[in-house]
Amino acid sequence: MQDGKNRNNIRVGQVVEIVQKQDQRSGELTEGVVKRILTNSSNHPHGIKVQLETGEIGRVKNII
């Protein structure tokens, strides 16, 4: 399983697990399909920020 810190690992249409802003303390993960990638830099220490097809936004923790 790749981690979500590198933008190169993430593609639109991929299934990923994200942590949403309100879930950062609990660490609860939300699974979904990437609709668009919101982080412009090539990597980010907390994970690349994406929007899922459901409209939820969060940082990628796992790529499934």
PDB file of N, CA and C in Angstrom:
ATOM      1  N   MET A   1       0.851  -1.192   0.000  1.00  0.00           N
ATOM      2  CA  MET A   1       0.000   0.000   0.000  1.00  0.00           C
ATOM      3  C   MET A   1       0.893   1.251   0.000  1.00  0.00           C
ATOM      4  N   GLN A   2       0.667   2.126  -0.967  1.00  0.00           N
ATOM      5  CA  GLN A   2       1.455   3.367  -1.033  1.00  0.00           C
ATOM      6  C   GLN A   2       0.904   4.371  -0.031  1.00  0.00           C
ATOM      7  N   ASP A   3       1.755   5.305   0.376  1.00  0.00           N
ATOM      8  CA  ASP A   3       1.228   6.338   1.269  1.00  0.00           C
ATOM      9  C   ASP A   3       0.781   7.558   0.457  1.00  0.00           C
ATOM     10  N   GLY A   4       0.028   8.417   1.090  1.00  0.00           N
ATOM     11  CA  GLY A   4      -0.588   9.545   0.398  1.00  0.00           C
ATOM     12  C   GLY A   4       0.185  10.833   0.497  1.00  0.00           C
ATOM     13  N   LYS A   5       1.490  10.750   0.780  1.00  0.00           N
ATOM     14  CA  LYS A   5       2.287  11.979   0.938  1.00  0.00           C
ATOM     15  C   LYS A   5       2.862  12.481  -0.380  1.00  0.00           C
ATOM     16  N   ASN A   6       2.928  11.605  -1.390  1.00  0.00           N
ATOM     17  CA  ASN A   6       3.463  11.984  -2.696  1.00  0.00           C
ATOM     18  C   ASN A   6       2.340  12.145  -3.707  1.00  0.00           C
ATOM     19  N   ARG A   7       2.311  13.298  -4.367  1.00  0.00           N
ATOM     20  CA  ARG A   7       1.272  13.598  -5.347  1.00  0.00           C
ATOM     21  C   ARG A   7       1.333  12.622  -6.524  1.00  0.00           C
ATOM     22  N   ASN A   8       2.558  12.164  -6.858  1.00  0.00           N
ATOM     23  CA  ASN A   8       2.736  11.252  -7.993  1.00  0.00           C
ATOM     24  C   ASN A   8       2.004   9.931  -7.802  1.00  0.00           C
ATOM     25  N   ASN A   9       1.755   9.543  -6.537  1.00  0.00           N
ATOM     26  CA  ASN A   9       1.098   8.265  -6.254  1.00  0.00           C
ATOM     27  C   ASN A   9      -0.411   8.326  -6.425  1.00  0.00           C
ATOM     28  N   ILE A  10      -0.954   9.532  -6.541  1.00  0.00           N
ATOM     29  CA  ILE A  10      -2.407   9.709  -6.486  1.00  0.00           C
ATOM     30  C   ILE A  10      -2.946  10.088  -7.859  1.00  0.00           C
ATOM     31  N   ARG A  11      -4.001   9.393  -8.280  1.00  0.00           N
ATOM     32  CA  ARG A  11      -4.625   9.657  -9.568  1.00  0.00           C
ATOM     33  C   ARG A  11      -6.123   9.851  -9.373  1.00  0.00           C
ATOM     34  N   VAL A  12      -6.719  10.693 -10.224  1.00  0.00           N
ATOM     35  CA  VAL A  12      -8.167  10.845 -10.224  1.00  0.00           C
ATOM     36  C   VAL A  12      -8.779   9.490 -10.574  1.00  0.00           C
ATOM     37  N   GLY A  13      -9.820   9.101  -9.843  1.00  0.00           N
ATOM     38  CA  GLY A  13     -10.476   7.816 -10.083  1.00  0.00           C
ATOM     39  C   GLY A  13      -9.969   6.700  -9.194  1.00  0.00           C
ATOM     40  N   GLN A  14      -8.917   6.970  -8.422  1.00  0.00           N
ATOM     41  CA  GLN A  14      -8.372   5.968  -7.505  1.00  0.00           C
ATOM     42  C   GLN A  14      -9.192   5.891  -6.227  1.00  0.00           C
ATOM     43  N   VAL A  15      -9.227   4.701  -5.624  1.00  0.00           N
ATOM     44  CA  VAL A  15      -9.878   4.545  -4.317  1.00  0.00           C
ATOM     45  C   VAL A  15      -8.827   4.808  -3.236  1.00  0.00           C
ATOM     46  N   VAL A  16      -9.147   5.719  -2.323  1.00  0.00           N
ATOM     47  CA  VAL A  16      -8.214   6.105  -1.267  1.00  0.00           C
ATOM     48  C   VAL A  16      -8.957   6.185   0.068  1.00  0.00           C
ATOM     49  N   GLU A  17      -8.185   6.240   1.156  1.00  0.00           N
ATOM     50  CA  GLU A  17      -8.730   6.541   2.472  1.00  0.00           C
ATOM     51  C   GLU A  17      -8.194   7.904   2.872  1.00  0.00           C
ATOM     52  N   ILE A  18      -9.105   8.799   3.269  1.00  0.00           N
ATOM     53  CA  ILE A  18      -8.696  10.144   3.684  1.00  0.00           C
ATOM     54  C   ILE A  18      -9.087  10.364   5.133  1.00  0.00           C
ATOM     55  N   VAL A  19      -8.409  11.317   5.755  1.00  0.00           N
ATOM     56  CA  VAL A  19      -8.846  11.800   7.072  1.00  0.00           C
ATOM     57  C   VAL A  19      -9.343  13.227   6.853  1.00  0.00           C
ATOM     58  N   GLN A  20     -10.597  13.472   7.232  1.00  0.00           N
ATOM     59  CA  GLN A  20     -11.185  14.797   7.096  1.00  0.00           C
ATOM     60  C   GLN A  20     -10.758  15.668   8.274  1.00  0.00           C
ATOM     61  N   LYS A  21     -10.849  16.985   8.074  1.00  0.00           N
ATOM     62  CA  LYS A  21     -10.413  17.948   9.080  1.00  0.00           C
ATOM     63  C   LYS A  21     -11.028  17.648  10.453  1.00  0.00           C
ATOM     64  N   GLN A  22     -12.335  17.385  10.480  1.00  0.00           N
ATOM     65  CA  GLN A  22     -12.999  17.165  11.765  1.00  0.00           C
ATOM     66  C   GLN A  22     -12.648  15.812  12.382  1.00  0.00           C
ATOM     67  N   ASP A  23     -12.031  14.914  11.596  1.00  0.00           N
ATOM     68  CA  ASP A  23     -11.675  13.578  12.092  1.00  0.00           C
ATOM     69  C   ASP A  23     -10.199  13.458  12.451  1.00  0.00           C
ATOM     70  N   GLN A  24      -9.441  14.562  12.370  1.00  0.00           N
ATOM     71  CA  GLN A  24      -8.001  14.477  12.599  1.00  0.00           C
ATOM     72  C   GLN A  24      -7.668  13.984  13.999  1.00  0.00           C
ATOM     73  N   ARG A  25      -8.419  14.418  14.994  1.00  0.00           N
ATOM     74  CA  ARG A  25      -8.152  13.983  16.377  1.00  0.00           C
ATOM     75  C   ARG A  25      -8.445  12.495  16.553  1.00  0.00           C
ATOM     76  N   SER A  26      -9.590  12.040  16.031  1.00  0.00           N
ATOM     77  CA  SER A  26      -9.981  10.633  16.196  1.00  0.00           C
ATOM     78  C   SER A  26      -9.223   9.727  15.225  1.00  0.00           C
ATOM     79  N   GLY A  27      -8.767  10.299  14.110  1.00  0.00           N
ATOM     80  CA  GLY A  27      -8.057   9.498  13.108  1.00  0.00           C
ATOM     81  C   GLY A  27      -8.990   8.650  12.260  1.00  0.00           C
ATOM     82  N   GLU A  28     -10.287   8.946  12.309  1.00  0.00           N
ATOM     83  CA  GLU A  28     -11.272   8.182  11.535  1.00  0.00           C
ATOM     84  C   GLU A  28     -11.041   8.398  10.043  1.00  0.00           C
ATOM     85  N   LEU A  29     -11.013   7.298   9.283  1.00  0.00           N
ATOM     86  CA  LEU A  29     -10.744   7.367   7.853  1.00  0.00           C
ATOM     87  C   LEU A  29     -12.035   7.240   7.053  1.00  0.00           C
ATOM     88  N   THR A  30     -12.084   7.954   5.945  1.00  0.00           N
ATOM     89  CA  THR A  30     -13.212   7.907   5.025  1.00  0.00           C
ATOM     90  C   THR A  30     -12.697   7.364   3.698  1.00  0.00           C
ATOM     91  N   GLU A  31     -13.367   6.321   3.187  1.00  0.00           N
ATOM     92  CA  GLU A  31     -12.937   5.728   1.918  1.00  0.00           C
ATOM     93  C   GLU A  31     -13.754   6.322   0.784  1.00  0.00           C
ATOM     94  N   GLY A  32     -13.098   6.548  -0.344  1.00  0.00           N
ATOM     95  CA  GLY A  32     -13.824   7.083  -1.490  1.00  0.00           C
ATOM     96  C   GLY A  32     -12.947   7.158  -2.714  1.00  0.00           C
ATOM     97  N   VAL A  33     -13.537   7.673  -3.794  1.00  0.00           N
ATOM     98  CA  VAL A  33     -12.857   7.777  -5.086  1.00  0.00           C
ATOM     99  C   VAL A  33     -12.432   9.224  -5.299  1.00  0.00           C
ATOM    100  N   VAL A  34     -11.173   9.418  -5.706  1.00  0.00           N
ATOM    101  CA  VAL A  34     -10.633  10.764  -5.909  1.00  0.00           C
ATOM    102  C   VAL A  34     -11.327  11.434  -7.092  1.00  0.00           C
ATOM    103  N   LYS A  35     -11.894  12.607  -6.835  1.00  0.00           N
ATOM    104  CA  LYS A  35     -12.503  13.413  -7.899  1.00  0.00           C
ATOM    105  C   LYS A  35     -11.491  14.435  -8.420  1.00  0.00           C
ATOM    106  N   ARG A  36     -10.801  15.096  -7.477  1.00  0.00           N
ATOM    107  CA  ARG A  36      -9.722  16.002  -7.889  1.00  0.00           C
ATOM    108  C   ARG A  36      -8.697  16.145  -6.780  1.00  0.00           C
ATOM    109  N   ILE A  37      -7.492  16.508  -7.213  1.00  0.00           N
ATOM    110  CA  ILE A  37      -6.365  16.669  -6.289  1.00  0.00           C
ATOM    111  C   ILE A  37      -6.240  18.155  -5.986  1.00  0.00           C
ATOM    112  N   LEU A  38      -6.244  18.500  -4.692  1.00  0.00           N
ATOM    113  CA  LEU A  38      -6.257  19.912  -4.300  1.00  0.00           C
ATOM    114  C   LEU A  38      -4.877  20.447  -3.939  1.00  0.00           C
ATOM    115  N   THR A  39      -3.956  19.574  -3.559  1.00  0.00           N
ATOM    116  CA  THR A  39      -2.604  20.021  -3.202  1.00  0.00           C
ATOM    117  C   THR A  39      -1.792  20.211  -4.476  1.00  0.00           C
ATOM    118  N   ASN A  40      -1.144  21.371  -4.598  1.00  0.00           N
ATOM    119  CA  ASN A  40      -0.343  21.647  -5.791  1.00  0.00           C
ATOM    120  C   ASN A  40       1.094  21.157  -5.674  1.00  0.00           C
ATOM    121  N   SER A  41       1.626  21.119  -4.438  1.00  0.00           N
ATOM    122  CA  SER A  41       3.026  20.717  -4.279  1.00  0.00           C
ATOM    123  C   SER A  41       3.174  19.218  -4.512  1.00  0.00           C
ATOM    124  N   SER A  42       4.387  18.767  -4.805  1.00  0.00           N
ATOM    125  CA  SER A  42       4.611  17.359  -5.169  1.00  0.00           C
ATOM    126  C   SER A  42       4.512  16.431  -3.971  1.00  0.00           C
ATOM    127  N   ASN A  43       4.731  16.968  -2.763  1.00  0.00           N
ATOM    128  CA  ASN A  43       4.500  16.142  -1.571  1.00  0.00           C
ATOM    129  C   ASN A  43       4.094  17.013  -0.393  1.00  0.00           C
ATOM    130  N   HIS A  44       3.507  16.367   0.613  1.00  0.00           N
ATOM    131  CA  HIS A  44       3.032  17.084   1.802  1.00  0.00           C
ATOM    132  C   HIS A  44       3.157  16.141   2.996  1.00  0.00           C
ATOM    133  N   PRO A  45       3.743  16.614   4.109  1.00  0.00           N
ATOM    134  CA  PRO A  45       4.001  15.736   5.262  1.00  0.00           C
ATOM    135  C   PRO A  45       2.745  15.116   5.868  1.00  0.00           C
ATOM    136  N   HIS A  46       1.582  15.780   5.751  1.00  0.00           N
ATOM    137  CA  HIS A  46       0.345  15.240   6.339  1.00  0.00           C
ATOM    138  C   HIS A  46      -0.529  14.523   5.330  1.00  0.00           C
ATOM    139  N   GLY A  47      -0.063  14.450   4.082  1.00  0.00           N
ATOM    140  CA  GLY A  47      -0.857  13.787   3.041  1.00  0.00           C
ATOM    141  C   GLY A  47      -1.387  14.800   2.042  1.00  0.00           C
ATOM    142  N   ILE A  48      -1.545  14.358   0.812  1.00  0.00           N
ATOM    143  CA  ILE A  48      -2.047  15.218  -0.259  1.00  0.00           C
ATOM    144  C   ILE A  48      -3.546  15.437  -0.049  1.00  0.00           C
ATOM    145  N   LYS A  49      -3.993  16.671  -0.162  1.00  0.00           N
ATOM    146  CA  LYS A  49      -5.411  16.978   0.028  1.00  0.00           C
ATOM    147  C   LYS A  49      -6.158  16.714  -1.280  1.00  0.00           C
ATOM    148  N   VAL A  50      -7.260  15.957  -1.161  1.00  0.00           N
ATOM    149  CA  VAL A  50      -8.074  15.622  -2.332  1.00  0.00           C
ATOM    150  C   VAL A  50      -9.552  15.841  -2.021  1.00  0.00           C
ATOM    151  N   GLN A  51     -10.331  15.932  -3.096  1.00  0.00           N
ATOM    152  CA  GLN A  51     -11.786  15.930  -2.968  1.00  0.00           C
ATOM    153  C   GLN A  51     -12.291  14.613  -3.522  1.00  0.00           C
ATOM    154  N   LEU A  52     -13.152  13.953  -2.765  1.00  0.00           N
ATOM    155  CA  LEU A  52     -13.746  12.700  -3.216  1.00  0.00           C
ATOM    156  C   LEU A  52     -14.975  12.985  -4.078  1.00  0.00           C
ATOM    157  N   GLU A  53     -15.450  11.962  -4.802  1.00  0.00           N
ATOM    158  CA  GLU A  53     -16.637  12.138  -5.649  1.00  0.00           C
ATOM    159  C   GLU A  53     -17.873  12.499  -4.830  1.00  0.00           C
ATOM    160  N   THR A  54     -17.850  12.172  -3.532  1.00  0.00           N
ATOM    161  CA  THR A  54     -18.959  12.520  -2.634  1.00  0.00           C
ATOM    162  C   THR A  54     -18.898  13.981  -2.201  1.00  0.00           C
ATOM    163  N   GLY A  55     -17.793  14.676  -2.540  1.00  0.00           N
ATOM    164  CA  GLY A  55     -17.630  16.080  -2.165  1.00  0.00           C
ATOM    165  C   GLY A  55     -16.821  16.251  -0.890  1.00  0.00           C
ATOM    166  N   GLU A  56     -16.541  15.141  -0.196  1.00  0.00           N
ATOM    167  CA  GLU A  56     -15.761  15.235   1.042  1.00  0.00           C
ATOM    168  C   GLU A  56     -14.311  15.578   0.698  1.00  0.00           C
ATOM    169  N   ILE A  57     -13.693  16.382   1.569  1.00  0.00           N
ATOM    170  CA  ILE A  57     -12.318  16.820   1.354  1.00  0.00           C
ATOM    171  C   ILE A  57     -11.474  16.377   2.540  1.00  0.00           C
ATOM    172  N   GLY A  58     -10.292  15.859   2.247  1.00  0.00           N
ATOM    173  CA  GLY A  58      -9.393  15.457   3.309  1.00  0.00           C
ATOM    174  C   GLY A  58      -8.023  15.096   2.768  1.00  0.00           C
ATOM    175  N   ARG A  59      -7.139  14.686   3.663  1.00  0.00           N
ATOM    176  CA  ARG A  59      -5.791  14.322   3.272  1.00  0.00           C
ATOM    177  C   ARG A  59      -5.665  12.813   3.136  1.00  0.00           C
ATOM    178  N   VAL A  60      -5.021  12.386   2.055  1.00  0.00           N
ATOM    179  CA  VAL A  60      -4.896  10.952   1.768  1.00  0.00           C
ATOM    180  C   VAL A  60      -3.982  10.283   2.801  1.00  0.00           C
ATOM    181  N   LYS A  61      -4.489   9.238   3.428  1.00  0.00           N
ATOM    182  CA  LYS A  61      -3.693   8.428   4.358  1.00  0.00           C
ATOM    183  C   LYS A  61      -3.248   7.146   3.688  1.00  0.00           C
ATOM    184  N   ASN A  62      -4.138   6.496   2.954  1.00  0.00           N
ATOM    185  CA  ASN A  62      -3.826   5.225   2.292  1.00  0.00           C
ATOM    186  C   ASN A  62      -4.381   5.223   0.883  1.00  0.00           C
ATOM    187  N   ILE A  63      -3.615   4.580  -0.009  1.00  0.00           N
ATOM    188  CA  ILE A  63      -4.088   4.353  -1.378  1.00  0.00           C
ATOM    189  C   ILE A  63      -4.419   2.879  -1.472  1.00  0.00           C
ATOM    190  N   ILE A  64      -5.649   2.567  -1.854  1.00  0.00           N
ATOM    191  CA  ILE A  64      -6.118   1.179  -1.844  1.00  0.00           C
ATOM    192  C   ILE A  64      -5.942   0.538  -3.218  1.00  0.00           C
TER     193      ILE A  64
END
